[in-house]
């Protein structure tokens, strides 16, 4: 049975989707999807998670797509409009685990420039005893080295940790590393999974 829980953040505790913002900027869905698949792509965004600043990361795009200068800058200037609240089932689970005395930690692919603002979105984050943030480590999930950092920093063997993440790639890598895993796809399935692992 695992002894601790390691939480992903985006789309596990808080809902994040660039479409939430860019649907306001591009009323036509096809134009929005074209921008997100050819200009501000997820492959480009990964650099933020690796520690590149918003300002530095957008410069090549501004040079390549000057016609989209305002929309590119919005990735930072309107960043918080990409969020659509917290996930109540996860917040409740974190509180229940805290009450049960289960150690909890965070492991997130995230820019260091927005970390403080994101963890301020929910009091549930105060129940987590520490975080590994990709931008600080210059490593991102699913690189197994970031799982090793989390285990070492938080003082638990891989088999003693249940890792919760919404990405199938991250889950598979964590499982291969030796972590217990729960692929977060349905908030309603979270508490039953925690109960099945003997944590609640």
N, C-alpha and C. Protein backbone atom coordinates (compact mmCIF):
# COMPACT_ATOMS: atom_id res chain seq x y z
N UNK A 1 0.83 -1.19 0.00
CA UNK A 1 0.00 0.00 0.00
C UNK A 1 0.87 1.25 0.00
N UNK A 2 0.53 2.24 -0.81
CA UNK A 2 1.29 3.49 -0.78
C UNK A 2 1.10 4.21 0.55
N UNK A 3 2.09 5.03 0.88
CA UNK A 3 2.06 5.77 2.14
C UNK A 3 1.89 7.27 1.94
N UNK A 4 2.05 7.75 0.71
CA UNK A 4 1.99 9.18 0.41
C UNK A 4 1.37 9.38 -0.96
N UNK A 5 0.90 10.60 -1.22
CA UNK A 5 0.30 10.93 -2.51
C UNK A 5 1.07 12.08 -3.13
N UNK A 6 1.37 11.93 -4.42
CA UNK A 6 2.07 12.94 -5.20
C UNK A 6 1.12 13.45 -6.27
N UNK A 7 0.79 14.75 -6.19
CA UNK A 7 -0.23 15.32 -7.07
C UNK A 7 0.37 16.12 -8.21
N UNK A 8 -0.15 15.89 -9.41
CA UNK A 8 0.00 16.85 -10.50
C UNK A 8 -0.91 18.03 -10.15
N UNK A 9 -0.74 19.15 -10.84
CA UNK A 9 -1.52 20.35 -10.53
C UNK A 9 -2.53 20.68 -11.63
N UNK A 10 -2.05 20.97 -12.84
CA UNK A 10 -2.92 21.38 -13.92
C UNK A 10 -3.86 20.28 -14.36
N UNK A 11 -5.15 20.56 -14.35
CA UNK A 11 -6.21 19.63 -14.73
C UNK A 11 -6.32 18.42 -13.81
N UNK A 12 -5.75 18.58 -12.62
CA UNK A 12 -5.97 17.65 -11.52
C UNK A 12 -6.52 18.41 -10.31
N UNK A 13 -5.89 19.53 -10.00
CA UNK A 13 -6.38 20.38 -8.90
C UNK A 13 -7.05 21.64 -9.45
N UNK A 14 -6.45 22.25 -10.48
CA UNK A 14 -7.04 23.43 -11.13
C UNK A 14 -7.21 23.14 -12.62
N UNK A 15 -8.26 23.71 -13.19
CA UNK A 15 -8.54 23.49 -14.62
C UNK A 15 -7.81 24.55 -15.45
N UNK A 16 -6.99 24.08 -16.38
CA UNK A 16 -6.21 24.97 -17.25
C UNK A 16 -6.35 24.52 -18.69
N UNK A 17 -6.68 25.47 -19.57
CA UNK A 17 -6.80 25.16 -21.00
C UNK A 17 -6.63 26.46 -21.77
N UNK A 18 -5.61 26.56 -22.65
CA UNK A 18 -5.44 27.79 -23.43
C UNK A 18 -6.68 28.17 -24.23
N UNK A 19 -7.50 27.20 -24.60
CA UNK A 19 -8.72 27.52 -25.36
C UNK A 19 -9.67 28.40 -24.56
N UNK A 20 -9.60 28.32 -23.24
CA UNK A 20 -10.47 29.14 -22.41
C UNK A 20 -10.21 30.62 -22.66
N UNK A 21 -8.94 30.98 -22.82
CA UNK A 21 -8.57 32.35 -23.17
C UNK A 21 -8.79 32.63 -24.65
N UNK A 22 -8.23 31.78 -25.49
CA UNK A 22 -8.19 32.10 -26.92
C UNK A 22 -9.54 31.98 -27.61
N UNK A 23 -10.52 31.38 -26.94
CA UNK A 23 -11.88 31.42 -27.48
C UNK A 23 -12.45 32.84 -27.40
N UNK A 24 -11.95 33.64 -26.46
CA UNK A 24 -12.35 35.04 -26.36
C UNK A 24 -11.66 35.88 -27.43
N UNK A 25 -10.41 35.54 -27.72
CA UNK A 25 -9.63 36.32 -28.67
C UNK A 25 -10.02 36.00 -30.11
N UNK A 26 -10.30 34.72 -30.36
CA UNK A 26 -10.69 34.27 -31.70
C UNK A 26 -12.13 33.73 -31.62
N UNK A 27 -13.13 34.52 -31.92
CA UNK A 27 -14.51 34.04 -31.85
C UNK A 27 -14.78 32.85 -32.78
N UNK A 28 -14.04 32.78 -33.88
CA UNK A 28 -14.21 31.67 -34.81
C UNK A 28 -13.34 30.49 -34.35
N UNK A 29 -13.93 29.35 -33.98
CA UNK A 29 -13.16 28.22 -33.47
C UNK A 29 -12.04 27.76 -34.40
N UNK A 30 -12.27 27.79 -35.70
CA UNK A 30 -11.24 27.34 -36.64
C UNK A 30 -10.01 28.25 -36.56
N UNK A 31 -10.22 29.56 -36.42
CA UNK A 31 -9.10 30.49 -36.30
C UNK A 31 -8.36 30.28 -35.00
N UNK A 32 -9.10 30.05 -33.93
CA UNK A 32 -8.47 29.76 -32.64
C UNK A 32 -7.62 28.50 -32.70
N UNK A 33 -8.18 27.44 -33.26
CA UNK A 33 -7.45 26.17 -33.32
C UNK A 33 -6.24 26.27 -34.23
N UNK A 34 -6.34 27.05 -35.29
CA UNK A 34 -5.20 27.25 -36.18
C UNK A 34 -4.07 27.98 -35.45
N UNK A 35 -4.41 28.98 -34.66
CA UNK A 35 -3.41 29.72 -33.90
C UNK A 35 -2.72 28.80 -32.88
N UNK A 36 -3.50 27.99 -32.18
CA UNK A 36 -2.94 27.13 -31.13
C UNK A 36 -2.19 25.93 -31.70
N UNK A 37 -2.42 25.61 -32.94
CA UNK A 37 -1.70 24.48 -33.54
C UNK A 37 -0.51 24.91 -34.39
N UNK A 38 -0.43 26.22 -34.72
CA UNK A 38 0.65 26.68 -35.58
C UNK A 38 1.49 27.81 -35.00
N UNK A 39 0.97 28.53 -34.01
CA UNK A 39 1.71 29.67 -33.45
C UNK A 39 2.06 29.35 -32.00
N UNK A 40 1.16 29.60 -31.08
CA UNK A 40 1.40 29.26 -29.67
C UNK A 40 0.99 27.81 -29.43
N UNK A 41 1.90 26.92 -29.73
CA UNK A 41 1.62 25.49 -29.63
C UNK A 41 2.03 24.96 -28.26
N UNK A 42 1.58 23.76 -27.94
CA UNK A 42 1.99 23.15 -26.68
C UNK A 42 3.47 22.80 -26.70
N UNK A 43 4.01 22.46 -27.87
CA UNK A 43 5.45 22.19 -27.96
C UNK A 43 6.26 23.45 -27.64
N UNK A 44 5.75 24.60 -28.05
CA UNK A 44 6.38 25.88 -27.70
C UNK A 44 6.23 26.17 -26.22
N UNK A 45 5.06 25.91 -25.68
CA UNK A 45 4.78 26.20 -24.26
C UNK A 45 5.67 25.39 -23.32
N UNK A 46 6.10 24.21 -23.74
CA UNK A 46 6.96 23.37 -22.91
C UNK A 46 8.19 24.13 -22.43
N UNK A 47 8.67 25.07 -23.22
CA UNK A 47 9.84 25.85 -22.81
C UNK A 47 9.59 26.62 -21.52
N UNK A 48 8.37 27.09 -21.31
CA UNK A 48 8.05 27.74 -20.04
C UNK A 48 8.22 26.77 -18.88
N UNK A 49 7.76 25.54 -19.09
CA UNK A 49 7.88 24.53 -18.04
C UNK A 49 9.33 24.17 -17.77
N UNK A 50 10.19 24.39 -18.75
CA UNK A 50 11.62 24.10 -18.58
C UNK A 50 12.39 25.29 -18.01
N UNK A 51 11.69 26.38 -17.71
CA UNK A 51 12.34 27.50 -17.05
C UNK A 51 12.62 28.70 -17.91
N UNK A 52 12.26 28.65 -19.21
CA UNK A 52 12.42 29.82 -20.08
C UNK A 52 11.35 30.84 -19.71
N UNK A 53 11.71 32.10 -19.62
CA UNK A 53 10.73 33.12 -19.25
C UNK A 53 9.73 33.34 -20.38
N UNK A 54 8.57 33.88 -20.03
CA UNK A 54 7.58 34.21 -21.03
C UNK A 54 8.16 35.19 -22.06
N UNK A 55 8.88 36.19 -21.57
CA UNK A 55 9.42 37.21 -22.47
C UNK A 55 10.39 36.60 -23.47
N UNK A 56 11.33 35.78 -22.98
CA UNK A 56 12.32 35.18 -23.87
C UNK A 56 11.68 34.19 -24.83
N UNK A 57 10.70 33.44 -24.36
CA UNK A 57 10.11 32.40 -25.18
C UNK A 57 9.28 32.95 -26.32
N UNK A 58 8.69 34.13 -26.13
CA UNK A 58 7.83 34.66 -27.19
C UNK A 58 8.61 35.39 -28.29
N UNK A 59 9.86 35.75 -28.03
CA UNK A 59 10.59 36.55 -29.02
C UNK A 59 10.67 35.90 -30.40
N UNK A 60 11.03 34.60 -30.50
CA UNK A 60 11.05 33.98 -31.84
C UNK A 60 9.69 33.99 -32.52
N UNK A 61 8.61 33.84 -31.74
CA UNK A 61 7.28 33.86 -32.34
C UNK A 61 6.92 35.26 -32.84
N UNK A 62 7.30 36.27 -32.08
CA UNK A 62 7.01 37.64 -32.51
C UNK A 62 7.72 37.97 -33.82
N UNK A 63 8.93 37.43 -33.98
CA UNK A 63 9.68 37.66 -35.22
C UNK A 63 9.07 36.89 -36.38
N UNK A 64 8.58 35.70 -36.09
CA UNK A 64 8.05 34.84 -37.15
C UNK A 64 6.61 35.20 -37.51
N UNK A 65 5.84 35.62 -36.50
CA UNK A 65 4.41 35.91 -36.72
C UNK A 65 4.08 37.31 -36.20
N UNK A 66 4.64 38.35 -36.79
CA UNK A 66 4.37 39.71 -36.28
C UNK A 66 2.90 40.09 -36.34
N UNK A 67 2.16 39.47 -37.25
CA UNK A 67 0.74 39.79 -37.37
C UNK A 67 -0.06 39.30 -36.16
N UNK A 68 0.55 38.42 -35.35
CA UNK A 68 -0.11 37.89 -34.16
C UNK A 68 0.54 38.41 -32.87
N UNK A 69 1.18 39.54 -32.93
CA UNK A 69 1.95 40.03 -31.78
C UNK A 69 1.09 40.14 -30.52
N UNK A 70 -0.08 40.73 -30.64
CA UNK A 70 -0.93 40.92 -29.47
C UNK A 70 -1.41 39.58 -28.92
N UNK A 71 -1.76 38.67 -29.81
CA UNK A 71 -2.26 37.36 -29.39
C UNK A 71 -1.16 36.53 -28.74
N UNK A 72 0.07 36.65 -29.23
CA UNK A 72 1.20 35.93 -28.64
C UNK A 72 1.48 36.47 -27.24
N UNK A 73 1.49 37.77 -27.09
CA UNK A 73 1.75 38.37 -25.78
C UNK A 73 0.66 38.02 -24.77
N UNK A 74 -0.53 37.75 -25.27
CA UNK A 74 -1.64 37.41 -24.37
C UNK A 74 -1.38 36.13 -23.59
N UNK A 75 -0.50 35.28 -24.09
CA UNK A 75 -0.17 34.04 -23.36
C UNK A 75 0.35 34.38 -21.97
N UNK A 76 1.04 35.52 -21.85
CA UNK A 76 1.47 35.97 -20.53
C UNK A 76 0.51 37.01 -19.94
N UNK A 77 0.18 38.04 -20.72
CA UNK A 77 -0.58 39.16 -20.15
C UNK A 77 -1.99 38.76 -19.72
N UNK A 78 -2.54 37.71 -20.35
CA UNK A 78 -3.88 37.23 -20.00
C UNK A 78 -3.84 35.77 -19.55
N UNK A 79 -2.69 35.36 -19.06
CA UNK A 79 -2.45 33.98 -18.63
C UNK A 79 -3.56 33.44 -17.73
N UNK A 80 -3.99 34.25 -16.78
CA UNK A 80 -4.94 33.75 -15.78
C UNK A 80 -6.31 33.50 -16.37
N UNK A 81 -6.58 34.00 -17.55
CA UNK A 81 -7.84 33.70 -18.21
C UNK A 81 -7.87 32.30 -18.82
N UNK A 82 -6.77 31.59 -18.74
CA UNK A 82 -6.74 30.20 -19.21
C UNK A 82 -7.32 29.24 -18.17
N UNK A 83 -7.55 29.75 -16.97
CA UNK A 83 -8.04 28.90 -15.88
C UNK A 83 -9.55 29.04 -15.74
N UNK A 84 -10.19 27.94 -15.33
CA UNK A 84 -11.64 27.96 -15.14
C UNK A 84 -11.99 27.32 -13.79
N UNK A 85 -11.22 27.66 -12.77
CA UNK A 85 -11.55 27.22 -11.43
C UNK A 85 -10.83 25.96 -10.99
N UNK A 86 -11.19 25.52 -9.81
CA UNK A 86 -10.59 24.34 -9.21
C UNK A 86 -11.48 23.13 -9.45
N UNK A 87 -10.97 21.96 -9.08
CA UNK A 87 -11.72 20.71 -9.22
C UNK A 87 -12.14 20.28 -7.82
N UNK A 88 -13.39 20.46 -7.45
CA UNK A 88 -13.83 20.24 -6.06
C UNK A 88 -13.55 18.83 -5.55
N UNK A 89 -13.67 17.83 -6.41
CA UNK A 89 -13.44 16.45 -5.96
C UNK A 89 -11.99 16.27 -5.50
N UNK A 90 -11.06 16.92 -6.19
CA UNK A 90 -9.66 16.81 -5.80
C UNK A 90 -9.40 17.57 -4.50
N UNK A 91 -9.96 18.78 -4.42
CA UNK A 91 -9.80 19.55 -3.18
C UNK A 91 -10.33 18.76 -1.98
N UNK A 92 -11.47 18.12 -2.14
CA UNK A 92 -12.06 17.34 -1.05
C UNK A 92 -11.18 16.15 -0.70
N UNK A 93 -10.61 15.52 -1.72
CA UNK A 93 -9.74 14.37 -1.48
C UNK A 93 -8.47 14.78 -0.75
N UNK A 94 -7.90 15.91 -1.13
CA UNK A 94 -6.69 16.40 -0.45
C UNK A 94 -6.99 16.69 1.01
N UNK A 95 -8.14 17.28 1.29
CA UNK A 95 -8.51 17.57 2.68
C UNK A 95 -8.73 16.28 3.45
N UNK A 96 -9.38 15.30 2.85
CA UNK A 96 -9.62 14.03 3.52
C UNK A 96 -8.31 13.31 3.82
N UNK A 97 -7.39 13.32 2.87
CA UNK A 97 -6.08 12.71 3.10
C UNK A 97 -5.33 13.42 4.21
N UNK A 98 -5.43 14.75 4.24
CA UNK A 98 -4.79 15.51 5.31
C UNK A 98 -5.35 15.11 6.67
N UNK A 99 -6.66 15.01 6.75
CA UNK A 99 -7.29 14.60 8.00
C UNK A 99 -6.87 13.20 8.41
N UNK A 100 -6.58 12.36 7.42
CA UNK A 100 -6.15 10.98 7.70
C UNK A 100 -4.66 10.89 7.99
N UNK A 101 -3.95 12.01 7.90
CA UNK A 101 -2.53 12.01 8.21
C UNK A 101 -1.64 11.48 7.10
N UNK A 102 -2.14 11.48 5.86
CA UNK A 102 -1.35 10.97 4.73
C UNK A 102 -0.47 12.11 4.19
N UNK A 103 0.83 11.91 4.08
CA UNK A 103 1.70 12.95 3.51
C UNK A 103 1.35 13.19 2.04
N UNK A 104 1.34 14.47 1.64
CA UNK A 104 0.99 14.83 0.26
C UNK A 104 1.99 15.85 -0.28
N UNK A 105 2.29 15.69 -1.57
CA UNK A 105 3.28 16.53 -2.22
C UNK A 105 2.80 16.86 -3.64
N UNK A 106 3.50 17.79 -4.30
CA UNK A 106 3.15 18.17 -5.66
C UNK A 106 4.31 17.96 -6.61
N UNK A 107 4.00 17.56 -7.83
CA UNK A 107 5.00 17.41 -8.90
C UNK A 107 4.36 17.97 -10.17
N UNK A 108 4.85 19.12 -10.64
CA UNK A 108 4.15 19.80 -11.72
C UNK A 108 5.09 20.31 -12.79
N UNK A 109 4.67 20.19 -14.04
CA UNK A 109 5.31 20.89 -15.15
C UNK A 109 4.73 22.30 -15.16
N UNK A 110 5.54 23.29 -14.80
CA UNK A 110 5.01 24.63 -14.62
C UNK A 110 6.13 25.66 -14.67
N UNK A 111 5.80 26.84 -15.19
CA UNK A 111 6.72 27.97 -15.18
C UNK A 111 6.91 28.49 -13.77
N UNK A 112 8.15 28.83 -13.44
CA UNK A 112 8.41 29.42 -12.12
C UNK A 112 7.75 30.79 -11.99
N UNK A 113 7.44 31.43 -13.11
CA UNK A 113 6.86 32.77 -13.06
C UNK A 113 5.40 32.78 -12.63
N UNK A 114 4.72 31.65 -12.72
CA UNK A 114 3.29 31.62 -12.38
C UNK A 114 2.98 30.70 -11.21
N UNK A 115 3.99 30.01 -10.69
CA UNK A 115 3.75 29.02 -9.64
C UNK A 115 3.03 29.61 -8.44
N UNK A 116 3.51 30.73 -7.92
CA UNK A 116 2.90 31.30 -6.71
C UNK A 116 1.43 31.65 -6.93
N UNK A 117 1.12 32.19 -8.10
CA UNK A 117 -0.26 32.55 -8.39
C UNK A 117 -1.17 31.34 -8.49
N UNK A 118 -0.66 30.26 -9.04
CA UNK A 118 -1.48 29.06 -9.20
C UNK A 118 -1.77 28.41 -7.85
N UNK A 119 -0.75 28.30 -7.00
CA UNK A 119 -1.01 27.65 -5.71
C UNK A 119 -1.85 28.53 -4.79
N UNK A 120 -1.99 29.81 -5.13
CA UNK A 120 -2.88 30.68 -4.37
C UNK A 120 -4.35 30.47 -4.74
N UNK A 121 -4.61 29.68 -5.77
CA UNK A 121 -5.98 29.48 -6.24
C UNK A 121 -6.82 28.60 -5.32
N UNK A 122 -6.18 27.78 -4.51
CA UNK A 122 -6.93 26.86 -3.68
C UNK A 122 -6.23 26.64 -2.34
N UNK A 123 -6.98 26.64 -1.24
CA UNK A 123 -6.37 26.31 0.06
C UNK A 123 -5.90 24.88 0.13
N UNK A 124 -6.35 24.04 -0.80
CA UNK A 124 -5.88 22.65 -0.81
C UNK A 124 -4.37 22.56 -0.96
N UNK A 125 -3.79 23.51 -1.69
CA UNK A 125 -2.34 23.47 -1.90
C UNK A 125 -1.56 23.63 -0.59
N UNK A 126 -2.20 24.25 0.42
CA UNK A 126 -1.54 24.42 1.71
C UNK A 126 -1.36 23.09 2.43
N UNK A 127 -2.11 22.09 2.02
CA UNK A 127 -2.01 20.76 2.63
C UNK A 127 -0.83 19.96 2.07
N UNK A 128 -0.26 20.42 0.96
CA UNK A 128 0.88 19.72 0.36
C UNK A 128 2.16 20.18 1.05
N UNK A 129 2.99 19.23 1.41
CA UNK A 129 4.17 19.52 2.23
C UNK A 129 5.38 19.94 1.42
N UNK A 130 5.30 19.90 0.11
CA UNK A 130 6.40 20.33 -0.74
C UNK A 130 6.05 20.13 -2.19
N UNK A 131 6.82 20.80 -3.06
CA UNK A 131 6.59 20.72 -4.50
C UNK A 131 7.91 20.50 -5.23
N UNK A 132 7.85 19.75 -6.31
CA UNK A 132 8.90 19.75 -7.32
C UNK A 132 8.30 20.42 -8.55
N UNK A 133 8.91 21.53 -8.96
CA UNK A 133 8.42 22.32 -10.09
C UNK A 133 9.42 22.20 -11.23
N UNK A 134 8.93 21.82 -12.39
CA UNK A 134 9.82 21.53 -13.52
C UNK A 134 10.75 22.68 -13.86
N UNK A 135 10.23 23.90 -13.83
CA UNK A 135 11.06 25.05 -14.21
C UNK A 135 12.25 25.23 -13.29
N UNK A 136 12.09 24.87 -12.03
CA UNK A 136 13.20 24.96 -11.08
C UNK A 136 14.25 23.89 -11.36
N UNK A 137 13.79 22.73 -11.82
CA UNK A 137 14.70 21.59 -12.03
C UNK A 137 15.26 21.53 -13.44
N UNK A 138 14.66 22.31 -14.37
CA UNK A 138 15.02 22.25 -15.79
C UNK A 138 14.78 20.84 -16.35
N UNK A 139 13.79 20.18 -15.81
CA UNK A 139 13.36 18.85 -16.25
C UNK A 139 11.84 18.83 -16.24
N UNK A 140 11.25 18.09 -17.17
CA UNK A 140 9.80 17.96 -17.19
C UNK A 140 9.39 16.50 -17.21
N UNK A 141 8.21 16.25 -16.62
CA UNK A 141 7.60 14.94 -16.82
C UNK A 141 7.36 14.76 -18.31
N UNK A 142 7.57 13.57 -18.86
CA UNK A 142 7.75 12.28 -18.20
C UNK A 142 9.20 11.83 -18.01
N UNK A 143 10.16 12.74 -17.99
CA UNK A 143 11.56 12.37 -17.76
C UNK A 143 11.68 11.67 -16.40
N UNK A 144 12.18 10.44 -16.37
CA UNK A 144 12.24 9.72 -15.09
C UNK A 144 13.09 10.42 -14.04
N UNK A 145 14.00 11.29 -14.47
CA UNK A 145 14.85 11.97 -13.49
C UNK A 145 14.04 12.88 -12.57
N UNK A 146 12.92 13.40 -13.05
CA UNK A 146 12.13 14.28 -12.19
C UNK A 146 11.36 13.47 -11.14
N UNK A 147 11.01 12.24 -11.47
CA UNK A 147 10.40 11.37 -10.46
C UNK A 147 11.43 11.00 -9.39
N UNK A 148 12.66 10.79 -9.82
CA UNK A 148 13.73 10.47 -8.87
C UNK A 148 13.96 11.65 -7.92
N UNK A 149 13.92 12.87 -8.45
CA UNK A 149 14.08 14.05 -7.60
C UNK A 149 12.97 14.11 -6.57
N UNK A 150 11.74 13.85 -6.99
CA UNK A 150 10.61 13.91 -6.07
C UNK A 150 10.75 12.88 -4.95
N UNK A 151 11.12 11.67 -5.30
CA UNK A 151 11.26 10.63 -4.29
C UNK A 151 12.36 10.98 -3.30
N UNK A 152 13.49 11.46 -3.81
CA UNK A 152 14.60 11.80 -2.93
C UNK A 152 14.24 12.99 -2.03
N UNK A 153 13.64 14.00 -2.61
CA UNK A 153 13.33 15.22 -1.85
C UNK A 153 12.29 14.96 -0.77
N UNK A 154 11.32 14.12 -1.07
CA UNK A 154 10.23 13.91 -0.13
C UNK A 154 10.45 12.70 0.77
N UNK A 155 11.52 11.95 0.52
CA UNK A 155 11.91 10.88 1.44
C UNK A 155 11.05 9.64 1.39
N UNK A 156 10.56 9.30 0.20
CA UNK A 156 9.74 8.10 0.05
C UNK A 156 10.25 7.28 -1.13
N UNK A 157 10.24 5.96 -0.97
CA UNK A 157 10.58 5.07 -2.07
C UNK A 157 9.47 5.14 -3.11
N UNK A 158 9.79 4.89 -4.39
CA UNK A 158 8.75 4.95 -5.42
C UNK A 158 7.52 4.11 -5.11
N UNK A 159 7.72 2.90 -4.61
CA UNK A 159 6.58 2.02 -4.35
C UNK A 159 5.69 2.52 -3.22
N UNK A 160 6.17 3.49 -2.45
CA UNK A 160 5.40 4.03 -1.33
C UNK A 160 4.58 5.27 -1.72
N UNK A 161 4.62 5.65 -3.00
CA UNK A 161 3.96 6.87 -3.46
C UNK A 161 2.88 6.53 -4.48
N UNK A 162 1.70 7.13 -4.32
CA UNK A 162 0.67 7.10 -5.36
C UNK A 162 0.73 8.43 -6.10
N UNK A 163 0.98 8.37 -7.40
CA UNK A 163 1.11 9.55 -8.24
C UNK A 163 -0.18 9.73 -9.03
N UNK A 164 -0.75 10.94 -8.98
CA UNK A 164 -2.00 11.26 -9.66
C UNK A 164 -1.72 12.30 -10.73
N UNK A 165 -2.01 11.98 -11.99
CA UNK A 165 -1.72 12.89 -13.11
C UNK A 165 -2.76 12.66 -14.19
N UNK A 166 -3.04 13.71 -14.97
CA UNK A 166 -4.03 13.58 -16.06
C UNK A 166 -3.40 13.14 -17.37
N UNK A 167 -2.07 13.12 -17.47
CA UNK A 167 -1.38 12.75 -18.71
C UNK A 167 -1.04 11.27 -18.73
N UNK A 168 -1.49 10.58 -19.77
CA UNK A 168 -1.17 9.16 -19.89
C UNK A 168 0.34 8.93 -20.04
N UNK A 169 1.02 9.84 -20.73
CA UNK A 169 2.48 9.71 -20.89
C UNK A 169 3.17 9.81 -19.53
N UNK A 170 2.76 10.78 -18.72
CA UNK A 170 3.38 10.93 -17.41
C UNK A 170 3.08 9.75 -16.50
N UNK A 171 1.88 9.23 -16.60
CA UNK A 171 1.48 8.08 -15.79
C UNK A 171 2.30 6.85 -16.17
N UNK A 172 2.45 6.60 -17.46
CA UNK A 172 3.20 5.43 -17.90
C UNK A 172 4.67 5.52 -17.46
N UNK A 173 5.25 6.71 -17.57
CA UNK A 173 6.64 6.89 -17.15
C UNK A 173 6.79 6.70 -15.65
N UNK A 174 5.84 7.23 -14.90
CA UNK A 174 5.89 7.08 -13.45
C UNK A 174 5.74 5.62 -13.04
N UNK A 175 4.85 4.92 -13.71
CA UNK A 175 4.66 3.49 -13.42
C UNK A 175 5.92 2.71 -13.73
N UNK A 176 6.56 3.02 -14.85
CA UNK A 176 7.81 2.35 -15.20
C UNK A 176 8.91 2.65 -14.19
N UNK A 177 8.86 3.84 -13.59
CA UNK A 177 9.85 4.22 -12.58
C UNK A 177 9.61 3.48 -11.26
N UNK A 178 8.39 3.00 -11.06
CA UNK A 178 8.09 2.25 -9.84
C UNK A 178 7.04 2.85 -8.94
N UNK A 179 6.49 4.00 -9.35
CA UNK A 179 5.44 4.63 -8.56
C UNK A 179 4.12 3.89 -8.74
N UNK A 180 3.30 3.89 -7.70
CA UNK A 180 1.90 3.55 -7.88
C UNK A 180 1.25 4.73 -8.61
N UNK A 181 0.25 4.46 -9.43
CA UNK A 181 -0.30 5.55 -10.25
C UNK A 181 -1.83 5.50 -10.29
N UNK A 182 -2.39 6.70 -10.50
CA UNK A 182 -3.82 6.84 -10.82
C UNK A 182 -3.92 7.84 -11.95
N UNK A 183 -4.42 7.40 -13.10
CA UNK A 183 -4.62 8.29 -14.25
C UNK A 183 -5.91 9.06 -14.03
N UNK A 184 -5.79 10.36 -13.83
CA UNK A 184 -6.92 11.21 -13.50
C UNK A 184 -7.65 11.61 -14.78
N UNK A 185 -8.78 10.98 -15.02
CA UNK A 185 -9.61 11.31 -16.18
C UNK A 185 -11.03 11.68 -15.77
N UNK A 186 -11.47 11.20 -14.62
CA UNK A 186 -12.82 11.44 -14.13
C UNK A 186 -12.73 11.81 -12.65
N UNK A 187 -13.06 13.06 -12.30
CA UNK A 187 -12.98 13.46 -10.88
C UNK A 187 -13.73 12.52 -9.95
N UNK A 188 -14.85 11.98 -10.41
CA UNK A 188 -15.66 11.11 -9.55
C UNK A 188 -14.94 9.80 -9.22
N UNK A 189 -13.95 9.43 -10.02
CA UNK A 189 -13.23 8.18 -9.79
C UNK A 189 -12.06 8.34 -8.82
N UNK A 190 -11.79 9.58 -8.42
CA UNK A 190 -10.60 9.81 -7.60
C UNK A 190 -10.71 9.20 -6.21
N UNK A 191 -11.76 9.53 -5.48
CA UNK A 191 -11.86 9.01 -4.12
C UNK A 191 -11.93 7.48 -4.08
N UNK A 192 -12.72 6.82 -4.96
CA UNK A 192 -12.68 5.36 -4.98
C UNK A 192 -11.28 4.80 -5.20
N UNK A 193 -10.49 5.48 -6.04
CA UNK A 193 -9.11 5.01 -6.28
C UNK A 193 -8.27 5.15 -5.02
N UNK A 194 -8.41 6.26 -4.32
CA UNK A 194 -7.67 6.44 -3.08
C UNK A 194 -8.08 5.40 -2.03
N UNK A 195 -9.38 5.10 -1.99
CA UNK A 195 -9.87 4.06 -1.06
C UNK A 195 -9.32 2.69 -1.45
N UNK A 196 -9.27 2.41 -2.74
CA UNK A 196 -8.76 1.12 -3.21
C UNK A 196 -7.30 0.93 -2.85
N UNK A 197 -6.56 2.03 -2.78
CA UNK A 197 -5.15 1.96 -2.40
C UNK A 197 -4.95 2.00 -0.88
N UNK A 198 -6.04 2.02 -0.14
CA UNK A 198 -5.95 1.99 1.31
C UNK A 198 -5.56 3.30 1.95
N UNK A 199 -5.69 4.40 1.18
CA UNK A 199 -5.28 5.70 1.71
C UNK A 199 -6.42 6.40 2.43
N UNK A 200 -7.65 6.05 2.13
CA UNK A 200 -8.83 6.60 2.80
C UNK A 200 -9.76 5.47 3.22
